[in-house]
Structure formats: C-alpha cells, structure tokens
Amino acid sequence: MLTGKQKRFLRAMGHSLNPVITIGKGEITEALVKETAEALEHHELIKVKILESCLLDRHDAADELAAACDADVAQVIGRTFLLYRPAKERKIELPRGR
C-alpha cells in the first residue's frame, strides 16, 4: 500500500510517461494481464490508457488490473491511470512511508 507522499512522488514521475498498455473493447484479458505484468517488471511505473470502446468504469478497470498484477494504483485521471509495482532490481526509490 502506497502512502500519500509516495503517490505524489509517482504521479510526478508518471506525468511525462507515454501509455504502455491500452485497454480496448476486449477489456481485461489474461493476455493483457500478462503483458502488464511484464511491463511492470521492466519499468516499475507504467501508464495505462482506457479507450472509449472499453465498457468498464475507469476506476474499476484500474483496480481490477492492479489486483491481477499485484500492483498499486498511483493515480486515475481521465481515461488514464498509473500502476506501480517494485521490481526485483528496483529502479525507483520511493520516499519513506510512516
């Protein structure tokens, strides 16, 4: 679970990122979960874009994909959200939580 300070830190980092994963009308499939998990292992912080054709609510899609990938949702804004999961070899050093 991320603290507020850690979420702010990740939101600042994620501002300049381009979406790596796109959720379309196929919604959240096993292949999408696998691709997201691989992207998280490589990048730790990724931006996910939800297309208009996706029938899921943006918060539901973020929570469902995060739970499937064992990740945390750092931000949901518009039809885009940030996912964070620390990799085995960490690249991002988060601020200390309480």
PDB file of N, CA and C in Angstrom:
ATOM      1  N   MET A   1       0.841  -1.180   0.000  1.00  0.00           N
ATOM      2  CA  MET A   1       0.000   0.000   0.000  1.00  0.00           C
ATOM      3  C   MET A   1       0.887   1.246   0.000  1.00  0.00           C
ATOM      4  N   LEU A   2       0.595   2.141  -0.887  1.00  0.00           N
ATOM      5  CA  LEU A   2       1.374   3.365  -1.018  1.00  0.00           C
ATOM      6  C   LEU A   2       0.832   4.456  -0.102  1.00  0.00           C
ATOM      7  N   THR A   3       1.733   5.252   0.457  1.00  0.00           N
ATOM      8  CA  THR A   3       1.324   6.410   1.250  1.00  0.00           C
ATOM      9  C   THR A   3       1.030   7.572   0.302  1.00  0.00           C
ATOM     10  N   GLY A   4       0.429   8.620   0.845  1.00  0.00           N
ATOM     11  CA  GLY A   4       0.122   9.798   0.039  1.00  0.00           C
ATOM     12  C   GLY A   4       1.378  10.435  -0.542  1.00  0.00           C
ATOM     13  N   LYS A   5       2.428  10.471   0.247  1.00  0.00           N
ATOM     14  CA  LYS A   5       3.695  11.060  -0.205  1.00  0.00           C
ATOM     15  C   LYS A   5       4.278  10.245  -1.358  1.00  0.00           C
ATOM     16  N   GLN A   6       4.211   8.927  -1.256  1.00  0.00           N
ATOM     17  CA  GLN A   6       4.724   8.061  -2.317  1.00  0.00           C
ATOM     18  C   GLN A   6       3.887   8.200  -3.592  1.00  0.00           C
ATOM     19  N   LYS A   7       2.569   8.318  -3.438  1.00  0.00           N
ATOM     20  CA  LYS A   7       1.697   8.506  -4.606  1.00  0.00           C
ATOM     21  C   LYS A   7       2.013   9.822  -5.310  1.00  0.00           C
ATOM     22  N   ARG A   8       2.227  10.896  -4.544  1.00  0.00           N
ATOM     23  CA  ARG A   8       2.583  12.187  -5.148  1.00  0.00           C
ATOM     24  C   ARG A   8       3.890  12.081  -5.910  1.00  0.00           C
ATOM     25  N   PHE A   9       4.860  11.379  -5.338  1.00  0.00           N
ATOM     26  CA  PHE A   9       6.151  11.182  -5.975  1.00  0.00           C
ATOM     27  C   PHE A   9       5.977  10.433  -7.303  1.00  0.00           C
ATOM     28  N   LEU A  10       5.178   9.361  -7.291  1.00  0.00           N
ATOM     29  CA  LEU A  10       4.953   8.559  -8.504  1.00  0.00           C
ATOM     30  C   LEU A  10       4.145   9.337  -9.547  1.00  0.00           C
ATOM     31  N   ARG A  11       3.175  10.135  -9.100  1.00  0.00           N
ATOM     32  CA  ARG A  11       2.397  10.946 -10.052  1.00  0.00           C
ATOM     33  C   ARG A  11       3.301  11.929 -10.774  1.00  0.00           C
ATOM     34  N   ALA A  12       4.245  12.528 -10.048  1.00  0.00           N
ATOM     35  CA  ALA A  12       5.180  13.470 -10.666  1.00  0.00           C
ATOM     36  C   ALA A  12       6.048  12.750 -11.698  1.00  0.00           C
ATOM     37  N   MET A  13       6.496  11.551 -11.370  1.00  0.00           N
ATOM     38  CA  MET A  13       7.312  10.774 -12.320  1.00  0.00           C
ATOM     39  C   MET A  13       6.498  10.342 -13.536  1.00  0.00           C
ATOM     40  N   GLY A  14       5.240   9.994 -13.313  1.00  0.00           N
ATOM     41  CA  GLY A  14       4.400   9.462 -14.380  1.00  0.00           C
ATOM     42  C   GLY A  14       3.852  10.505 -15.323  1.00  0.00           C
ATOM     43  N   HIS A  15       3.957  11.770 -14.945  1.00  0.00           N
ATOM     44  CA  HIS A  15       3.401  12.839 -15.777  1.00  0.00           C
ATOM     45  C   HIS A  15       3.949  12.809 -17.205  1.00  0.00           C
ATOM     46  N   SER A  16       5.215  12.562 -17.365  1.00  0.00           N
ATOM     47  CA  SER A  16       5.840  12.621 -18.689  1.00  0.00           C
ATOM     48  C   SER A  16       5.832  11.277 -19.423  1.00  0.00           C
ATOM     49  N   LEU A  17       5.316  10.230 -18.797  1.00  0.00           N
ATOM     50  CA  LEU A  17       5.302   8.913 -19.433  1.00  0.00           C
ATOM     51  C   LEU A  17       4.249   8.825 -20.533  1.00  0.00           C
ATOM     52  N   ASN A  18       4.532   8.006 -21.522  1.00  0.00           N
ATOM     53  CA  ASN A  18       3.545   7.675 -22.549  1.00  0.00           C
ATOM     54  C   ASN A  18       2.872   6.369 -22.154  1.00  0.00           C
ATOM     55  N   PRO A  19       1.595   6.181 -22.536  1.00  0.00           N
ATOM     56  CA  PRO A  19       0.919   4.928 -22.205  1.00  0.00           C
ATOM     57  C   PRO A  19       1.631   3.718 -22.815  1.00  0.00           C
ATOM     58  N   VAL A  20       1.828   2.691 -21.986  1.00  0.00           N
ATOM     59  CA  VAL A  20       2.487   1.461 -22.419  1.00  0.00           C
ATOM     60  C   VAL A  20       1.434   0.400 -22.738  1.00  0.00           C
ATOM     61  N   ILE A  21       0.333   0.429 -22.016  1.00  0.00           N
ATOM     62  CA  ILE A  21      -0.744  -0.543 -22.151  1.00  0.00           C
ATOM     63  C   ILE A  21      -2.022   0.198 -22.542  1.00  0.00           C
ATOM     64  N   THR A  22      -2.821  -0.417 -23.417  1.00  0.00           N
ATOM     65  CA  THR A  22      -4.097   0.150 -23.828  1.00  0.00           C
ATOM     66  C   THR A  22      -5.189  -0.886 -23.611  1.00  0.00           C
ATOM     67  N   ILE A  23      -6.245  -0.473 -22.917  1.00  0.00           N
ATOM     68  CA  ILE A  23      -7.385  -1.358 -22.686  1.00  0.00           C
ATOM     69  C   ILE A  23      -8.470  -0.966 -23.673  1.00  0.00           C
ATOM     70  N   GLY A  24      -8.868  -1.909 -24.522  1.00  0.00           N
ATOM     71  CA  GLY A  24      -9.890  -1.653 -25.528  1.00  0.00           C
ATOM     72  C   GLY A  24     -11.165  -2.391 -25.225  1.00  0.00           C
ATOM     73  N   LYS A  25     -11.906  -2.728 -26.290  1.00  0.00           N
ATOM     74  CA  LYS A  25     -13.195  -3.380 -26.081  1.00  0.00           C
ATOM     75  C   LYS A  25     -13.038  -4.825 -25.611  1.00  0.00           C
ATOM     76  N   GLY A  26     -11.841  -5.413 -25.774  1.00  0.00           N
ATOM     77  CA  GLY A  26     -11.598  -6.745 -25.257  1.00  0.00           C
ATOM     78  C   GLY A  26     -11.512  -6.744 -23.747  1.00  0.00           C
ATOM     79  N   GLU A  27     -11.463  -5.571 -23.159  1.00  0.00           N
ATOM     80  CA  GLU A  27     -11.366  -5.348 -21.723  1.00  0.00           C
ATOM     81  C   GLU A  27     -10.160  -6.053 -21.118  1.00  0.00           C
ATOM     82  N   ILE A  28     -10.249  -6.530 -19.889  1.00  0.00           N
ATOM     83  CA  ILE A  28      -9.082  -7.083 -19.201  1.00  0.00           C
ATOM     84  C   ILE A  28      -9.054  -8.598 -19.393  1.00  0.00           C
ATOM     85  N   THR A  29      -8.133  -9.034 -20.237  1.00  0.00           N
ATOM     86  CA  THR A  29      -7.986 -10.450 -20.541  1.00  0.00           C
ATOM     87  C   THR A  29      -6.715 -10.981 -19.892  1.00  0.00           C
ATOM     88  N   GLU A  30      -6.541 -12.280 -19.967  1.00  0.00           N
ATOM     89  CA  GLU A  30      -5.346 -12.905 -19.410  1.00  0.00           C
ATOM     90  C   GLU A  30      -4.090 -12.410 -20.133  1.00  0.00           C
ATOM     91  N   ALA A  31      -4.187 -12.229 -21.443  1.00  0.00           N
ATOM     92  CA  ALA A  31      -3.046 -11.739 -22.219  1.00  0.00           C
ATOM     93  C   ALA A  31      -2.681 -10.306 -21.805  1.00  0.00           C
ATOM     94  N   LEU A  32      -3.685  -9.482 -21.552  1.00  0.00           N
ATOM     95  CA  LEU A  32      -3.443  -8.105 -21.121  1.00  0.00           C
ATOM     96  C   LEU A  32      -2.777  -8.080 -19.752  1.00  0.00           C
ATOM     97  N   VAL A  33      -3.213  -8.956 -18.858  1.00  0.00           N
ATOM     98  CA  VAL A  33      -2.615  -9.041 -17.518  1.00  0.00           C
ATOM     99  C   VAL A  33      -1.156  -9.464 -17.622  1.00  0.00           C
ATOM    100  N   LYS A  34      -0.871 -10.442 -18.482  1.00  0.00           N
ATOM    101  CA  LYS A  34       0.499 -10.917 -18.657  1.00  0.00           C
ATOM    102  C   LYS A  34       1.388  -9.810 -19.222  1.00  0.00           C
ATOM    103  N   GLU A  35       0.894  -9.101 -20.227  1.00  0.00           N
ATOM    104  CA  GLU A  35       1.654  -8.008 -20.838  1.00  0.00           C
ATOM    105  C   GLU A  35       1.905  -6.883 -19.830  1.00  0.00           C
ATOM    106  N   THR A  36       0.904  -6.588 -19.011  1.00  0.00           N
ATOM    107  CA  THR A  36       1.044  -5.553 -17.988  1.00  0.00           C
ATOM    108  C   THR A  36       2.065  -5.956 -16.934  1.00  0.00           C
ATOM    109  N   ALA A  37       2.020  -7.212 -16.513  1.00  0.00           N
ATOM    110  CA  ALA A  37       2.972  -7.707 -15.513  1.00  0.00           C
ATOM    111  C   ALA A  37       4.408  -7.624 -16.029  1.00  0.00           C
ATOM    112  N   GLU A  38       4.597  -7.958 -17.302  1.00  0.00           N
ATOM    113  CA  GLU A  38       5.936  -7.861 -17.900  1.00  0.00           C
ATOM    114  C   GLU A  38       6.398  -6.415 -17.973  1.00  0.00           C
ATOM    115  N   ALA A  39       5.489  -5.511 -18.337  1.00  0.00           N
ATOM    116  CA  ALA A  39       5.842  -4.088 -18.413  1.00  0.00           C
ATOM    117  C   ALA A  39       6.187  -3.548 -17.025  1.00  0.00           C
ATOM    118  N   LEU A  40       5.436  -3.971 -16.011  1.00  0.00           N
ATOM    119  CA  LEU A  40       5.728  -3.533 -14.644  1.00  0.00           C
ATOM    120  C   LEU A  40       7.072  -4.057 -14.163  1.00  0.00           C
ATOM    121  N   GLU A  41       7.403  -5.285 -14.529  1.00  0.00           N
ATOM    122  CA  GLU A  41       8.687  -5.851 -14.118  1.00  0.00           C
ATOM    123  C   GLU A  41       9.845  -5.074 -14.744  1.00  0.00           C
ATOM    124  N   HIS A  42       9.634  -4.603 -15.946  1.00  0.00           N
ATOM    125  CA  HIS A  42      10.691  -3.879 -16.648  1.00  0.00           C
ATOM    126  C   HIS A  42      10.757  -2.408 -16.245  1.00  0.00           C
ATOM    127  N   HIS A  43       9.599  -1.760 -16.092  1.00  0.00           N
ATOM    128  CA  HIS A  43       9.560  -0.309 -15.862  1.00  0.00           C
ATOM    129  C   HIS A  43       9.233   0.105 -14.423  1.00  0.00           C
ATOM    130  N   GLU A  44       8.555  -0.732 -13.670  1.00  0.00           N
ATOM    131  CA  GLU A  44       8.053  -0.462 -12.324  1.00  0.00           C
ATOM    132  C   GLU A  44       6.855   0.490 -12.302  1.00  0.00           C
ATOM    133  N   LEU A  45       6.893   1.564 -13.063  1.00  0.00           N
ATOM    134  CA  LEU A  45       5.789   2.526 -13.128  1.00  0.00           C
ATOM    135  C   LEU A  45       5.346   2.639 -14.578  1.00  0.00           C
ATOM    136  N   ILE A  46       4.078   2.343 -14.836  1.00  0.00           N
ATOM    137  CA  ILE A  46       3.578   2.422 -16.211  1.00  0.00           C
ATOM    138  C   ILE A  46       2.273   3.204 -16.264  1.00  0.00           C
ATOM    139  N   LYS A  47       2.018   3.762 -17.437  1.00  0.00           N
ATOM    140  CA  LYS A  47       0.774   4.481 -17.687  1.00  0.00           C
ATOM    141  C   LYS A  47      -0.097   3.585 -18.564  1.00  0.00           C
ATOM    142  N   VAL A  48      -1.377   3.482 -18.196  1.00  0.00           N
ATOM    143  CA  VAL A  48      -2.334   2.652 -18.926  1.00  0.00           C
ATOM    144  C   VAL A  48      -3.447   3.547 -19.446  1.00  0.00           C
ATOM    145  N   LYS A  49      -3.798   3.396 -20.710  1.00  0.00           N
ATOM    146  CA  LYS A  49      -4.835   4.194 -21.357  1.00  0.00           C
ATOM    147  C   LYS A  49      -6.072   3.325 -21.566  1.00  0.00           C
ATOM    148  N   ILE A  50      -7.245   3.859 -21.265  1.00  0.00           N
ATOM    149  CA  ILE A  50      -8.507   3.160 -21.486  1.00  0.00           C
ATOM    150  C   ILE A  50      -9.181   3.807 -22.692  1.00  0.00           C
ATOM    151  N   LEU A  51      -9.450   3.006 -23.711  1.00  0.00           N
ATOM    152  CA  LEU A  51     -10.108   3.520 -24.910  1.00  0.00           C
ATOM    153  C   LEU A  51     -11.602   3.723 -24.663  1.00  0.00           C
ATOM    154  N   GLU A  52     -12.219   4.524 -25.500  1.00  0.00           N
ATOM    155  CA  GLU A  52     -13.661   4.789 -25.392  1.00  0.00           C
ATOM    156  C   GLU A  52     -14.487   3.516 -25.548  1.00  0.00           C
ATOM    157  N   SER A  53     -13.962   2.535 -26.285  1.00  0.00           N
ATOM    158  CA  SER A  53     -14.710   1.309 -26.545  1.00  0.00           C
ATOM    159  C   SER A  53     -14.767   0.368 -25.336  1.00  0.00           C
ATOM    160  N   CYS A  54     -13.973   0.642 -24.309  1.00  0.00           N
ATOM    161  CA  CYS A  54     -13.975  -0.189 -23.104  1.00  0.00           C
ATOM    162  C   CYS A  54     -15.235   0.110 -22.292  1.00  0.00           C
ATOM    163  N   LEU A  55     -15.950  -0.937 -21.907  1.00  0.00           N
ATOM    164  CA  LEU A  55     -17.203  -0.765 -21.180  1.00  0.00           C
ATOM    165  C   LEU A  55     -17.012  -0.638 -19.672  1.00  0.00           C
ATOM    166  N   LEU A  56     -15.826  -0.943 -19.179  1.00  0.00           N
ATOM    167  CA  LEU A  56     -15.554  -0.856 -17.748  1.00  0.00           C
ATOM    168  C   LEU A  56     -15.405   0.592 -17.287  1.00  0.00           C
ATOM    169  N   ASP A  57     -15.820   0.854 -16.056  1.00  0.00           N
ATOM    170  CA  ASP A  57     -15.567   2.147 -15.438  1.00  0.00           C
ATOM    171  C   ASP A  57     -14.055   2.284 -15.234  1.00  0.00           C
ATOM    172  N   ARG A  58     -13.539   3.491 -15.327  1.00  0.00           N
ATOM    173  CA  ARG A  58     -12.087   3.698 -15.252  1.00  0.00           C
ATOM    174  C   ARG A  58     -11.511   3.258 -13.911  1.00  0.00           C
ATOM    175  N   HIS A  59     -12.212   3.497 -12.820  1.00  0.00           N
ATOM    176  CA  HIS A  59     -11.720   3.086 -11.506  1.00  0.00           C
ATOM    177  C   HIS A  59     -11.775   1.564 -11.352  1.00  0.00           C
ATOM    178  N   ASP A  60     -12.849   0.970 -11.871  1.00  0.00           N
ATOM    179  CA  ASP A  60     -12.962  -0.493 -11.823  1.00  0.00           C
ATOM    180  C   ASP A  60     -11.859  -1.154 -12.644  1.00  0.00           C
ATOM    181  N   ALA A  61     -11.580  -0.606 -13.823  1.00  0.00           N
ATOM    182  CA  ALA A  61     -10.528  -1.161 -14.684  1.00  0.00           C
ATOM    183  C   ALA A  61      -9.169  -1.049 -13.994  1.00  0.00           C
ATOM    184  N   ALA A  62      -8.900   0.098 -13.376  1.00  0.00           N
ATOM    185  CA  ALA A  62      -7.618   0.298 -12.686  1.00  0.00           C
ATOM    186  C   ALA A  62      -7.481  -0.683 -11.525  1.00  0.00           C
ATOM    187  N   ASP A  63      -8.521  -0.807 -10.718  1.00  0.00           N
ATOM    188  CA  ASP A  63      -8.471  -1.705  -9.563  1.00  0.00           C
ATOM    189  C   ASP A  63      -8.345  -3.165  -9.987  1.00  0.00           C
ATOM    190  N   GLU A  64      -9.086  -3.559 -11.023  1.00  0.00           N
ATOM    191  CA  GLU A  64      -9.058  -4.951 -11.495  1.00  0.00           C
ATOM    192  C   GLU A  64      -7.688  -5.325 -12.061  1.00  0.00           C
ATOM    193  N   LEU A  65      -7.124  -4.446 -12.876  1.00  0.00           N
ATOM    194  CA  LEU A  65      -5.813  -4.726 -13.460  1.00  0.00           C
ATOM    195  C   LEU A  65      -4.721  -4.701 -12.387  1.00  0.00           C
ATOM    196  N   ALA A  66      -4.817  -3.782 -11.458  1.00  0.00           N
ATOM    197  CA  ALA A  66      -3.829  -3.703 -10.369  1.00  0.00           C
ATOM    198  C   ALA A  66      -3.876  -4.968  -9.513  1.00  0.00           C
ATOM    199  N   ALA A  67      -5.071  -5.437  -9.197  1.00  0.00           N
ATOM    200  CA  ALA A  67      -5.208  -6.650  -8.386  1.00  0.00           C
ATOM    201  C   ALA A  67      -4.671  -7.868  -9.128  1.00  0.00           C
ATOM    202  N   ALA A  68      -4.931  -7.942 -10.427  1.00  0.00           N
ATOM    203  CA  ALA A  68      -4.471  -9.083 -11.229  1.00  0.00           C
ATOM    204  C   ALA A  68      -2.948  -9.110 -11.342  1.00  0.00           C
ATOM    205  N   CYS A  69      -2.315  -7.940 -11.309  1.00  0.00           N
ATOM    206  CA  CYS A  69      -0.858  -7.843 -11.467  1.00  0.00           C
ATOM    207  C   CYS A  69      -0.134  -7.648 -10.136  1.00  0.00           C
ATOM    208  N   ASP A  70      -0.867  -7.634  -9.043  1.00  0.00           N
ATOM    209  CA  ASP A  70      -0.289  -7.397  -7.717  1.00  0.00           C
ATOM    210  C   ASP A  70       0.454  -6.055  -7.686  1.00  0.00           C
ATOM    211  N   ALA A  71      -0.231  -5.018  -8.178  1.00  0.00           N
ATOM    212  CA  ALA A  71       0.358  -3.684  -8.268  1.00  0.00           C
ATOM    213  C   ALA A  71      -0.505  -2.697  -7.482  1.00  0.00           C
ATOM    214  N   ASP A  72      -0.025  -1.477  -7.375  1.00  0.00           N
ATOM    215  CA  ASP A  72      -0.772  -0.402  -6.720  1.00  0.00           C
ATOM    216  C   ASP A  72      -1.164   0.645  -7.756  1.00  0.00           C
ATOM    217  N   VAL A  73      -2.351   1.201  -7.599  1.00  0.00           N
ATOM    218  CA  VAL A  73      -2.792   2.307  -8.448  1.00  0.00           C
ATOM    219  C   VAL A  73      -2.271   3.590  -7.828  1.00  0.00           C
ATOM    220  N   ALA A  74      -1.440   4.313  -8.575  1.00  0.00           N
ATOM    221  CA  ALA A  74      -0.872   5.562  -8.073  1.00  0.00           C
ATOM    222  C   ALA A  74      -1.758   6.754  -8.414  1.00  0.00           C
ATOM    223  N   GLN A  75      -2.500   6.648  -9.539  1.00  0.00           N
ATOM    224  CA  GLN A  75      -3.327   7.768  -9.964  1.00  0.00           C
ATOM    225  C   GLN A  75      -4.329   7.307 -11.006  1.00  0.00           C
ATOM    226  N   VAL A  76      -5.529   7.864 -10.953  1.00  0.00           N
ATOM    227  CA  VAL A  76      -6.521   7.702 -12.018  1.00  0.00           C
ATOM    228  C   VAL A  76      -6.929   9.107 -12.408  1.00  0.00           C
ATOM    229  N   ILE A  77      -6.685   9.447 -13.663  1.00  0.00           N
ATOM    230  CA  ILE A  77      -7.047  10.785 -14.133  1.00  0.00           C
ATOM    231  C   ILE A  77      -7.588  10.646 -15.552  1.00  0.00           C
ATOM    232  N   GLY A  78      -8.817  11.079 -15.741  1.00  0.00           N
ATOM    233  CA  GLY A  78      -9.453  10.915 -17.040  1.00  0.00           C
ATOM    234  C   GLY A  78      -9.556   9.443 -17.390  1.00  0.00           C
ATOM    235  N   ARG A  79      -9.138   9.080 -18.580  1.00  0.00           N
ATOM    236  CA  ARG A  79      -9.169   7.690 -19.026  1.00  0.00           C
ATOM    237  C   ARG A  79      -7.766   7.074 -18.986  1.00  0.00           C
ATOM    238  N   THR A  80      -6.939   7.585 -18.093  1.00  0.00           N
ATOM    239  CA  THR A  80      -5.562   7.123 -17.947  1.00  0.00           C
ATOM    240  C   THR A  80      -5.279   6.864 -16.470  1.00  0.00           C
ATOM    241  N   PHE A  81      -4.489   5.827 -16.198  1.00  0.00           N
ATOM    242  CA  PHE A  81      -4.081   5.598 -14.810  1.00  0.00           C
ATOM    243  C   PHE A  81      -2.654   5.084 -14.755  1.00  0.00           C
ATOM    244  N   LEU A  82      -2.043   5.259 -13.580  1.00  0.00           N
ATOM    245  CA  LEU A  82      -0.669   4.827 -13.331  1.00  0.00           C
ATOM    246  C   LEU A  82      -0.673   3.613 -12.425  1.00  0.00           C
ATOM    247  N   LEU A  83       0.123   2.606 -12.787  1.00  0.00           N
ATOM    248  CA  LEU A  83       0.309   1.424 -11.955  1.00  0.00           C
ATOM    249  C   LEU A  83       1.763   1.355 -11.513  1.00  0.00           C
ATOM    250  N   TYR A  84       1.980   0.953 -10.265  1.00  0.00           N
ATOM    251  CA  TYR A  84       3.331   0.808  -9.732  1.00  0.00           C
ATOM    252  C   TYR A  84       3.465  -0.551  -9.056  1.00  0.00           C
ATOM    253  N   ARG A  85       4.560  -1.212  -9.359  1.00  0.00           N
ATOM    254  CA  ARG A  85       4.939  -2.442  -8.662  1.00  0.00           C
ATOM    255  C   ARG A  85       6.454  -2.493  -8.630  1.00  0.00           C
ATOM    256  N   PRO A  86       7.046  -2.596  -7.433  1.00  0.00           N
ATOM    257  CA  PRO A  86       8.513  -2.648  -7.371  1.00  0.00           C
ATOM    258  C   PRO A  86       9.048  -3.904  -8.056  1.00  0.00           C
ATOM    259  N   ALA A  87      10.120  -3.746  -8.806  1.00  0.00           N
ATOM    260  CA  ALA A  87      10.762  -4.874  -9.484  1.00  0.00           C
ATOM    261  C   ALA A  87      11.751  -5.536  -8.533  1.00  0.00           C
ATOM    262  N   LYS A  88      12.262  -6.685  -8.945  1.00  0.00           N
ATOM    263  CA  LYS A  88      13.267  -7.374  -8.131  1.00  0.00           C
ATOM    264  C   LYS A  88      14.501  -6.497  -7.964  1.00  0.00           C
ATOM    265  N   GLU A  89      14.912  -5.882  -9.060  1.00  0.00           N
ATOM    266  CA  GLU A  89      16.011  -4.911  -9.021  1.00  0.00           C
ATOM    267  C   GLU A  89      15.382  -3.529  -9.149  1.00  0.00           C
ATOM    268  N   ARG A  90      15.173  -2.871  -8.032  1.00  0.00           N
ATOM    269  CA  ARG A  90      14.455  -1.598  -8.014  1.00  0.00           C
ATOM    270  C   ARG A  90      15.202  -0.498  -8.757  1.00  0.00           C
ATOM    271  N   LYS A  91      14.425   0.247  -9.540  1.00  0.00           N
ATOM    272  CA  LYS A  91      14.956   1.399 -10.260  1.00  0.00           C
ATOM    273  C   LYS A  91      14.449   2.691  -9.633  1.00  0.00           C
ATOM    274  N   ILE A  92      13.278   2.613  -9.021  1.00  0.00           N
ATOM    275  CA  ILE A  92      12.652   3.792  -8.420  1.00  0.00           C
ATOM    276  C   ILE A  92      12.784   3.676  -6.898  1.00  0.00           C
ATOM    277  N   GLU A  93      13.363   4.687  -6.292  1.00  0.00           N
ATOM    278  CA  GLU A  93      13.488   4.737  -4.838  1.00  0.00           C
ATOM    279  C   GLU A  93      12.385   5.632  -4.295  1.00  0.00           C
ATOM    280  N   LEU A  94      11.400   5.031  -3.651  1.00  0.00           N
ATOM    281  CA  LEU A  94      10.271   5.791  -3.117  1.00  0.00           C
ATOM    282  C   LEU A  94      10.652   6.523  -1.830  1.00  0.00           C
ATOM    283  N   PRO A  95      10.003   7.652  -1.561  1.00  0.00           N
ATOM    284  CA  PRO A  95      10.205   8.314  -0.275  1.00  0.00           C
ATOM    285  C   PRO A  95       9.734   7.387   0.842  1.00  0.00           C
ATOM    286  N   ARG A  96      10.339   7.507   1.995  1.00  0.00           N
ATOM    287  CA  ARG A  96       9.971   6.633   3.111  1.00  0.00           C
ATOM    288  C   ARG A  96       8.555   6.924   3.580  1.00  0.00           C
ATOM    289  N   GLY A  97       7.819   5.848   3.837  1.00  0.00           N
ATOM    290  CA  GLY A  97       6.474   5.981   4.397  1.00  0.00           C
ATOM    291  C   GLY A  97       6.538   5.966   5.904  1.00  0.00           C
ATOM    292  N   ARG A  98       5.425   6.117   6.545  1.00  0.00           N
ATOM    293  CA  ARG A  98       5.384   6.122   8.010  1.00  0.00           C
ATOM    294  C   ARG A  98       5.423   4.728   8.548  1.00  0.00           C
TER     295      ARG A  98
END
